[in-house]
Amino acid sequence: MNELLVASHIKPWSISDANEKLDIHNGLLMCPNHDKLFDRGYISFDDTGRILISEKLDDNNSYDENRYYRREHKVYKISQEKCIH
């Protein structure tokens, strides 16, 4: 399961000094898709850990509380008995 998680630096490694590269507070553990979004500036997090969505995403790609990204996609519901616990 390790391949499902990525250690992402908050301040990029390429511009961090030696201390920042080893600072345990300069990192987030994310899944690969969120890591890419974070690295490219499409998402960030506030001081409470709440996700922030960049205005770089237009209305056709923006986050929606109904859990779909494009209006033309259907919202799929999974019955509780089919969920893995």
PDB file of N, CA and C in Angstrom:
ATOM      1  N   MET A   1       0.801  -1.210   0.000  1.00  0.00           N
ATOM      2  CA  MET A   1       0.000   0.000   0.000  1.00  0.00           C
ATOM      3  C   MET A   1       0.841   1.270   0.000  1.00  0.00           C
ATOM      4  N   ASN A   2       2.131   1.164   0.169  1.00  0.00           N
ATOM      5  CA  ASN A   2       2.974   2.363   0.193  1.00  0.00           C
ATOM      6  C   ASN A   2       2.882   3.174  -1.088  1.00  0.00           C
ATOM      7  N   GLU A   3       2.617   2.513  -2.220  1.00  0.00           N
ATOM      8  CA  GLU A   3       2.546   3.236  -3.488  1.00  0.00           C
ATOM      9  C   GLU A   3       1.318   4.144  -3.568  1.00  0.00           C
ATOM     10  N   LEU A   4       0.404   4.028  -2.615  1.00  0.00           N
ATOM     11  CA  LEU A   4      -0.800   4.863  -2.608  1.00  0.00           C
ATOM     12  C   LEU A   4      -0.587   6.179  -1.863  1.00  0.00           C
ATOM     13  N   LEU A   5       0.576   6.356  -1.241  1.00  0.00           N
ATOM     14  CA  LEU A   5       0.857   7.564  -0.474  1.00  0.00           C
ATOM     15  C   LEU A   5       2.151   8.209  -0.961  1.00  0.00           C
ATOM     16  N   VAL A   6       2.166   9.530  -0.938  1.00  0.00           N
ATOM     17  CA  VAL A   6       3.328  10.296  -1.376  1.00  0.00           C
ATOM     18  C   VAL A   6       3.682  11.299  -0.287  1.00  0.00           C
ATOM     19  N   ALA A   7       4.967  11.365   0.063  1.00  0.00           N
ATOM     20  CA  ALA A   7       5.437  12.386   0.998  1.00  0.00           C
ATOM     21  C   ALA A   7       5.718  13.642   0.175  1.00  0.00           C
ATOM     22  N   SER A   8       4.924  14.655   0.387  1.00  0.00           N
ATOM     23  CA  SER A   8       5.023  15.883  -0.389  1.00  0.00           C
ATOM     24  C   SER A   8       5.594  17.001   0.476  1.00  0.00           C
ATOM     25  N   HIS A   9       6.523  17.755  -0.078  1.00  0.00           N
ATOM     26  CA  HIS A   9       7.084  18.893   0.642  1.00  0.00           C
ATOM     27  C   HIS A   9       6.197  20.119   0.452  1.00  0.00           C
ATOM     28  N   ILE A  10       5.996  20.848   1.523  1.00  0.00           N
ATOM     29  CA  ILE A  10       5.205  22.075   1.449  1.00  0.00           C
ATOM     30  C   ILE A  10       6.025  23.149   0.721  1.00  0.00           C
ATOM     31  N   LYS A  11       7.223  23.402   1.208  1.00  0.00           N
ATOM     32  CA  LYS A  11       8.161  24.250   0.473  1.00  0.00           C
ATOM     33  C   LYS A  11       8.962  23.304  -0.406  1.00  0.00           C
ATOM     34  N   PRO A  12       8.946  23.496  -1.718  1.00  0.00           N
ATOM     35  CA  PRO A  12       9.603  22.549  -2.622  1.00  0.00           C
ATOM     36  C   PRO A  12      11.060  22.257  -2.232  1.00  0.00           C
ATOM     37  N   TRP A  13      11.433  20.997  -2.378  1.00  0.00           N
ATOM     38  CA  TRP A  13      12.775  20.517  -2.079  1.00  0.00           C
ATOM     39  C   TRP A  13      13.827  21.331  -2.835  1.00  0.00           C
ATOM     40  N   SER A  14      13.539  21.672  -4.071  1.00  0.00           N
ATOM     41  CA  SER A  14      14.517  22.360  -4.921  1.00  0.00           C
ATOM     42  C   SER A  14      14.891  23.749  -4.410  1.00  0.00           C
ATOM     43  N   ILE A  15      14.035  24.388  -3.621  1.00  0.00           N
ATOM     44  CA  ILE A  15      14.347  25.727  -3.106  1.00  0.00           C
ATOM     45  C   ILE A  15      14.483  25.741  -1.583  1.00  0.00           C
ATOM     46  N   SER A  16      14.498  24.560  -0.965  1.00  0.00           N
ATOM     47  CA  SER A  16      14.660  24.458   0.490  1.00  0.00           C
ATOM     48  C   SER A  16      16.132  24.391   0.854  1.00  0.00           C
ATOM     49  N   ASP A  17      16.483  24.973   2.014  1.00  0.00           N
ATOM     50  CA  ASP A  17      17.861  24.824   2.494  1.00  0.00           C
ATOM     51  C   ASP A  17      17.985  23.475   3.204  1.00  0.00           C
ATOM     52  N   ALA A  18      19.166  23.157   3.675  1.00  0.00           N
ATOM     53  CA  ALA A  18      19.423  21.835   4.276  1.00  0.00           C
ATOM     54  C   ALA A  18      18.501  21.553   5.466  1.00  0.00           C
ATOM     55  N   ASN A  19      18.259  22.558   6.292  1.00  0.00           N
ATOM     56  CA  ASN A  19      17.379  22.367   7.455  1.00  0.00           C
ATOM     57  C   ASN A  19      15.928  22.154   7.044  1.00  0.00           C
ATOM     58  N   GLU A  20      15.466  22.909   6.064  1.00  0.00           N
ATOM     59  CA  GLU A  20      14.080  22.784   5.601  1.00  0.00           C
ATOM     60  C   GLU A  20      13.820  21.432   4.946  1.00  0.00           C
ATOM     61  N   LYS A  21      14.824  20.901   4.263  1.00  0.00           N
ATOM     62  CA  LYS A  21      14.666  19.599   3.612  1.00  0.00           C
ATOM     63  C   LYS A  21      14.420  18.484   4.630  1.00  0.00           C
ATOM     64  N   LEU A  22      14.955  18.636   5.830  1.00  0.00           N
ATOM     65  CA  LEU A  22      14.801  17.613   6.869  1.00  0.00           C
ATOM     66  C   LEU A  22      13.744  17.960   7.909  1.00  0.00           C
ATOM     67  N   ASP A  23      13.131  19.129   7.771  1.00  0.00           N
ATOM     68  CA  ASP A  23      12.123  19.585   8.736  1.00  0.00           C
ATOM     69  C   ASP A  23      10.859  18.733   8.608  1.00  0.00           C
ATOM     70  N   ILE A  24      10.481  18.057   9.693  1.00  0.00           N
ATOM     71  CA  ILE A  24       9.288  17.189   9.655  1.00  0.00           C
ATOM     72  C   ILE A  24       8.001  17.988   9.483  1.00  0.00           C
ATOM     73  N   HIS A  25       8.060  19.292   9.710  1.00  0.00           N
ATOM     74  CA  HIS A  25       6.872  20.134   9.558  1.00  0.00           C
ATOM     75  C   HIS A  25       6.753  20.699   8.143  1.00  0.00           C
ATOM     76  N   ASN A  26       7.680  20.336   7.269  1.00  0.00           N
ATOM     77  CA  ASN A  26       7.652  20.784   5.876  1.00  0.00           C
ATOM     78  C   ASN A  26       7.151  19.656   4.972  1.00  0.00           C
ATOM     79  N   GLY A  27       6.201  18.894   5.447  1.00  0.00           N
ATOM     80  CA  GLY A  27       5.716  17.792   4.632  1.00  0.00           C
ATOM     81  C   GLY A  27       4.273  17.434   4.908  1.00  0.00           C
ATOM     82  N   LEU A  28       3.667  16.843   3.902  1.00  0.00           N
ATOM     83  CA  LEU A  28       2.298  16.336   3.994  1.00  0.00           C
ATOM     84  C   LEU A  28       2.275  14.946   3.366  1.00  0.00           C
ATOM     85  N   LEU A  29       1.496  14.056   3.907  1.00  0.00           N
ATOM     86  CA  LEU A  29       1.316  12.732   3.338  1.00  0.00           C
ATOM     87  C   LEU A  29       0.015  12.752   2.549  1.00  0.00           C
ATOM     88  N   MET A  30       0.119  12.508   1.240  1.00  0.00           N
ATOM     89  CA  MET A  30      -1.053  12.606   0.367  1.00  0.00           C
ATOM     90  C   MET A  30      -1.096  11.440  -0.609  1.00  0.00           C
ATOM     91  N   CYS A  31      -2.255  11.266  -1.214  1.00  0.00           N
ATOM     92  CA  CYS A  31      -2.354  10.322  -2.324  1.00  0.00           C
ATOM     93  C   CYS A  31      -1.775  11.021  -3.551  1.00  0.00           C
ATOM     94  N   PRO A  32      -1.325  10.256  -4.562  1.00  0.00           N
ATOM     95  CA  PRO A  32      -0.640  10.867  -5.710  1.00  0.00           C
ATOM     96  C   PRO A  32      -1.425  11.956  -6.441  1.00  0.00           C
ATOM     97  N   ASN A  33      -2.738  11.779  -6.595  1.00  0.00           N
ATOM     98  CA  ASN A  33      -3.484  12.803  -7.333  1.00  0.00           C
ATOM     99  C   ASN A  33      -3.541  14.123  -6.567  1.00  0.00           C
ATOM    100  N   HIS A  34      -3.688  14.081  -5.247  1.00  0.00           N
ATOM    101  CA  HIS A  34      -3.685  15.315  -4.465  1.00  0.00           C
ATOM    102  C   HIS A  34      -2.286  15.925  -4.422  1.00  0.00           C
ATOM    103  N   ASP A  35      -1.260  15.090  -4.407  1.00  0.00           N
ATOM    104  CA  ASP A  35       0.108  15.577  -4.444  1.00  0.00           C
ATOM    105  C   ASP A  35       0.362  16.389  -5.711  1.00  0.00           C
ATOM    106  N   LYS A  36      -0.079  15.883  -6.857  1.00  0.00           N
ATOM    107  CA  LYS A  36       0.091  16.610  -8.130  1.00  0.00           C
ATOM    108  C   LYS A  36      -0.674  17.932  -8.105  1.00  0.00           C
ATOM    109  N   LEU A  37      -1.914  17.904  -7.624  1.00  0.00           N
ATOM    110  CA  LEU A  37      -2.709  19.128  -7.537  1.00  0.00           C
ATOM    111  C   LEU A  37      -2.038  20.145  -6.620  1.00  0.00           C
ATOM    112  N   PHE A  38      -1.505  19.684  -5.491  1.00  0.00           N
ATOM    113  CA  PHE A  38      -0.824  20.558  -4.538  1.00  0.00           C
ATOM    114  C   PHE A  38       0.442  21.149  -5.155  1.00  0.00           C
ATOM    115  N   ASP A  39       1.262  20.301  -5.786  1.00  0.00           N
ATOM    116  CA  ASP A  39       2.511  20.764  -6.398  1.00  0.00           C
ATOM    117  C   ASP A  39       2.274  21.802  -7.488  1.00  0.00           C
ATOM    118  N   ARG A  40       1.154  21.692  -8.187  1.00  0.00           N
ATOM    119  CA  ARG A  40       0.858  22.608  -9.293  1.00  0.00           C
ATOM    120  C   ARG A  40       0.031  23.817  -8.860  1.00  0.00           C
ATOM    121  N   GLY A  41      -0.265  23.913  -7.566  1.00  0.00           N
ATOM    122  CA  GLY A  41      -0.965  25.077  -7.041  1.00  0.00           C
ATOM    123  C   GLY A  41      -2.473  25.057  -7.201  1.00  0.00           C
ATOM    124  N   TYR A  42      -3.049  23.905  -7.526  1.00  0.00           N
ATOM    125  CA  TYR A  42      -4.502  23.826  -7.684  1.00  0.00           C
ATOM    126  C   TYR A  42      -5.231  23.643  -6.356  1.00  0.00           C
ATOM    127  N   ILE A  43      -4.539  23.086  -5.376  1.00  0.00           N
ATOM    128  CA  ILE A  43      -5.119  22.982  -4.034  1.00  0.00           C
ATOM    129  C   ILE A  43      -4.076  23.411  -3.015  1.00  0.00           C
ATOM    130  N   SER A  44      -4.561  23.806  -1.862  1.00  0.00           N
ATOM    131  CA  SER A  44      -3.711  24.106  -0.725  1.00  0.00           C
ATOM    132  C   SER A  44      -4.536  23.809   0.523  1.00  0.00           C
ATOM    133  N   PHE A  45      -4.021  24.180   1.677  1.00  0.00           N
ATOM    134  CA  PHE A  45      -4.715  23.912   2.929  1.00  0.00           C
ATOM    135  C   PHE A  45      -4.593  25.120   3.833  1.00  0.00           C
ATOM    136  N   ASP A  46      -5.669  25.417   4.563  1.00  0.00           N
ATOM    137  CA  ASP A  46      -5.590  26.519   5.513  1.00  0.00           C
ATOM    138  C   ASP A  46      -4.966  26.011   6.817  1.00  0.00           C
ATOM    139  N   ASP A  47      -4.858  26.891   7.812  1.00  0.00           N
ATOM    140  CA  ASP A  47      -4.203  26.540   9.072  1.00  0.00           C
ATOM    141  C   ASP A  47      -4.941  25.472   9.869  1.00  0.00           C
ATOM    142  N   THR A  48      -6.201  25.220   9.539  1.00  0.00           N
ATOM    143  CA  THR A  48      -6.958  24.181  10.243  1.00  0.00           C
ATOM    144  C   THR A  48      -6.938  22.856   9.490  1.00  0.00           C
ATOM    145  N   GLY A  49      -6.307  22.835   8.307  1.00  0.00           N
ATOM    146  CA  GLY A  49      -6.245  21.623   7.505  1.00  0.00           C
ATOM    147  C   GLY A  49      -7.335  21.517   6.450  1.00  0.00           C
ATOM    148  N   ARG A  50      -8.205  22.499   6.406  1.00  0.00           N
ATOM    149  CA  ARG A  50      -9.287  22.495   5.410  1.00  0.00           C
ATOM    150  C   ARG A  50      -8.720  22.756   4.022  1.00  0.00           C
ATOM    151  N   ILE A  51      -9.206  22.010   3.038  1.00  0.00           N
ATOM    152  CA  ILE A  51      -8.692  22.141   1.677  1.00  0.00           C
ATOM    153  C   ILE A  51      -9.160  23.449   1.045  1.00  0.00           C
ATOM    154  N   LEU A  52      -8.260  24.070   0.303  1.00  0.00           N
ATOM    155  CA  LEU A  52      -8.547  25.293  -0.443  1.00  0.00           C
ATOM    156  C   LEU A  52      -8.409  24.964  -1.923  1.00  0.00           C
ATOM    157  N   ILE A  53      -9.411  25.310  -2.714  1.00  0.00           N
ATOM    158  CA  ILE A  53      -9.417  25.036  -4.145  1.00  0.00           C
ATOM    159  C   ILE A  53      -9.053  26.318  -4.897  1.00  0.00           C
ATOM    160  N   SER A  54      -8.073  26.231  -5.760  1.00  0.00           N
ATOM    161  CA  SER A  54      -7.590  27.396  -6.500  1.00  0.00           C
ATOM    162  C   SER A  54      -8.625  27.891  -7.500  1.00  0.00           C
ATOM    163  N   GLU A  55      -8.620  29.194  -7.722  1.00  0.00           N
ATOM    164  CA  GLU A  55      -9.460  29.775  -8.761  1.00  0.00           C
ATOM    165  C   GLU A  55      -8.938  29.439 -10.149  1.00  0.00           C
ATOM    166  N   LYS A  56      -7.747  28.795 -10.236  1.00  0.00           N
ATOM    167  CA  LYS A  56      -7.203  28.357 -11.525  1.00  0.00           C
ATOM    168  C   LYS A  56      -8.111  27.305 -12.162  1.00  0.00           C
ATOM    169  N   LEU A  57      -8.887  26.617 -11.343  1.00  0.00           N
ATOM    170  CA  LEU A  57      -9.826  25.625 -11.862  1.00  0.00           C
ATOM    171  C   LEU A  57     -11.085  26.360 -12.298  1.00  0.00           C
ATOM    172  N   ASP A  58     -11.506  26.160 -13.520  1.00  0.00           N
ATOM    173  CA  ASP A  58     -12.704  26.843 -14.004  1.00  0.00           C
ATOM    174  C   ASP A  58     -13.970  26.111 -13.550  1.00  0.00           C
ATOM    175  N   ASP A  59     -15.121  26.653 -13.874  1.00  0.00           N
ATOM    176  CA  ASP A  59     -16.391  26.079 -13.431  1.00  0.00           C
ATOM    177  C   ASP A  59     -16.599  24.651 -13.914  1.00  0.00           C
ATOM    178  N   ASN A  60     -16.009  24.280 -15.049  1.00  0.00           N
ATOM    179  CA  ASN A  60     -16.189  22.926 -15.567  1.00  0.00           C
ATOM    180  C   ASN A  60     -15.342  21.904 -14.840  1.00  0.00           C
ATOM    181  N   ASN A  61     -14.345  22.340 -14.076  1.00  0.00           N
ATOM    182  CA  ASN A  61     -13.448  21.417 -13.397  1.00  0.00           C
ATOM    183  C   ASN A  61     -13.431  21.605 -11.889  1.00  0.00           C
ATOM    184  N   SER A  62     -14.217  22.512 -11.369  1.00  0.00           N
ATOM    185  CA  SER A  62     -14.113  22.842  -9.963  1.00  0.00           C
ATOM    186  C   SER A  62     -14.765  21.804  -9.064  1.00  0.00           C
ATOM    187  N   TYR A  63     -14.336  21.815  -7.815  1.00  0.00           N
ATOM    188  CA  TYR A  63     -14.879  20.904  -6.809  1.00  0.00           C
ATOM    189  C   TYR A  63     -16.343  21.243  -6.557  1.00  0.00           C
ATOM    190  N   ASP A  64     -17.114  20.245  -6.322  1.00  0.00           N
ATOM    191  CA  ASP A  64     -18.534  20.403  -6.040  1.00  0.00           C
ATOM    192  C   ASP A  64     -18.901  19.472  -4.897  1.00  0.00           C
ATOM    193  N   GLU A  65     -19.683  19.938  -3.955  1.00  0.00           N
ATOM    194  CA  GLU A  65     -20.032  19.087  -2.808  1.00  0.00           C
ATOM    195  C   GLU A  65     -20.821  17.852  -3.212  1.00  0.00           C
ATOM    196  N   ASN A  66     -21.339  17.802  -4.428  1.00  0.00           N
ATOM    197  CA  ASN A  66     -22.040  16.613  -4.901  1.00  0.00           C
ATOM    198  C   ASN A  66     -21.079  15.546  -5.419  1.00  0.00           C
ATOM    199  N   ARG A  67     -19.781  15.788  -5.310  1.00  0.00           N
ATOM    200  CA  ARG A  67     -18.730  14.816  -5.577  1.00  0.00           C
ATOM    201  C   ARG A  67     -18.539  14.470  -7.044  1.00  0.00           C
ATOM    202  N   TYR A  68     -18.726  15.410  -7.913  1.00  0.00           N
ATOM    203  CA  TYR A  68     -18.360  15.195  -9.310  1.00  0.00           C
ATOM    204  C   TYR A  68     -17.695  16.462  -9.824  1.00  0.00           C
ATOM    205  N   TYR A  69     -16.908  16.326 -10.867  1.00  0.00           N
ATOM    206  CA  TYR A  69     -16.108  17.448 -11.335  1.00  0.00           C
ATOM    207  C   TYR A  69     -16.647  18.104 -12.588  1.00  0.00           C
ATOM    208  N   ARG A  70     -17.289  17.352 -13.424  1.00  0.00           N
ATOM    209  CA  ARG A  70     -17.880  17.942 -14.626  1.00  0.00           C
ATOM    210  C   ARG A  70     -19.390  17.711 -14.582  1.00  0.00           C
ATOM    211  N   ARG A  71     -20.106  18.702 -15.009  1.00  0.00           N
ATOM    212  CA  ARG A  71     -21.567  18.614 -14.939  1.00  0.00           C
ATOM    213  C   ARG A  71     -22.129  17.440 -15.730  1.00  0.00           C
ATOM    214  N   GLU A  72     -21.429  17.044 -16.796  1.00  0.00           N
ATOM    215  CA  GLU A  72     -21.951  15.964 -17.631  1.00  0.00           C
ATOM    216  C   GLU A  72     -21.742  14.578 -17.012  1.00  0.00           C
ATOM    217  N   HIS A  73     -20.956  14.496 -15.943  1.00  0.00           N
ATOM    218  CA  HIS A  73     -20.756  13.209 -15.271  1.00  0.00           C
ATOM    219  C   HIS A  73     -21.909  12.943 -14.309  1.00  0.00           C
ATOM    220  N   LYS A  74     -22.308  11.684 -14.247  1.00  0.00           N
ATOM    221  CA  LYS A  74     -23.360  11.302 -13.306  1.00  0.00           C
ATOM    222  C   LYS A  74     -22.782  11.173 -11.911  1.00  0.00           C
ATOM    223  N   VAL A  75     -23.626  11.344 -10.918  1.00  0.00           N
ATOM    224  CA  VAL A  75     -23.233  11.080  -9.542  1.00  0.00           C
ATOM    225  C   VAL A  75     -23.615   9.638  -9.247  1.00  0.00           C
ATOM    226  N   TYR A  76     -22.623   8.834  -8.908  1.00  0.00           N
ATOM    227  CA  TYR A  76     -22.866   7.425  -8.619  1.00  0.00           C
ATOM    228  C   TYR A  76     -22.966   7.230  -7.120  1.00  0.00           C
ATOM    229  N   LYS A  77     -23.926   6.447  -6.717  1.00  0.00           N
ATOM    230  CA  LYS A  77     -24.105   6.135  -5.299  1.00  0.00           C
ATOM    231  C   LYS A  77     -23.819   4.661  -5.097  1.00  0.00           C
ATOM    232  N   ILE A  78     -23.086   4.341  -4.034  1.00  0.00           N
ATOM    233  CA  ILE A  78     -22.771   2.954  -3.692  1.00  0.00           C
ATOM    234  C   ILE A  78     -23.579   2.587  -2.466  1.00  0.00           C
ATOM    235  N   SER A  79     -24.278   1.466  -2.559  1.00  0.00           N
ATOM    236  CA  SER A  79     -25.070   1.046  -1.419  1.00  0.00           C
ATOM    237  C   SER A  79     -24.154   0.660  -0.272  1.00  0.00           C
ATOM    238  N   GLN A  80     -24.599   0.847   0.942  1.00  0.00           N
ATOM    239  CA  GLN A  80     -23.805   0.611   2.139  1.00  0.00           C
ATOM    240  C   GLN A  80     -23.294  -0.828   2.219  1.00  0.00           C
ATOM    241  N   GLU A  81     -24.092  -1.792   1.796  1.00  0.00           N
ATOM    242  CA  GLU A  81     -23.679  -3.193   1.892  1.00  0.00           C
ATOM    243  C   GLU A  81     -22.529  -3.535   0.937  1.00  0.00           C
ATOM    244  N   LYS A  82     -22.284  -2.729  -0.083  1.00  0.00           N
ATOM    245  CA  LYS A  82     -21.195  -2.988  -1.024  1.00  0.00           C
ATOM    246  C   LYS A  82     -19.894  -2.324  -0.593  1.00  0.00           C
ATOM    247  N   CYS A  83     -19.935  -1.488   0.430  1.00  0.00           N
ATOM    248  CA  CYS A  83     -18.741  -0.814   0.912  1.00  0.00           C
ATOM    249  C   CYS A  83     -17.855  -1.779   1.702  1.00  0.00           C
ATOM    250  N   ILE A  84     -16.555  -1.616   1.556  1.00  0.00           N
ATOM    251  CA  ILE A  84     -15.608  -2.422   2.318  1.00  0.00           C
ATOM    252  C   ILE A  84     -15.362  -1.716   3.626  1.00  0.00           C
ATOM    253  N   HIS A  85     -15.457  -2.449   4.701  1.00  0.00           N
ATOM    254  CA  HIS A  85     -15.229  -1.847   6.031  1.00  0.00           C
ATOM    255  C   HIS A  85     -13.981  -2.381   6.642  1.00  0.00           C
TER     256      HIS A  85
END
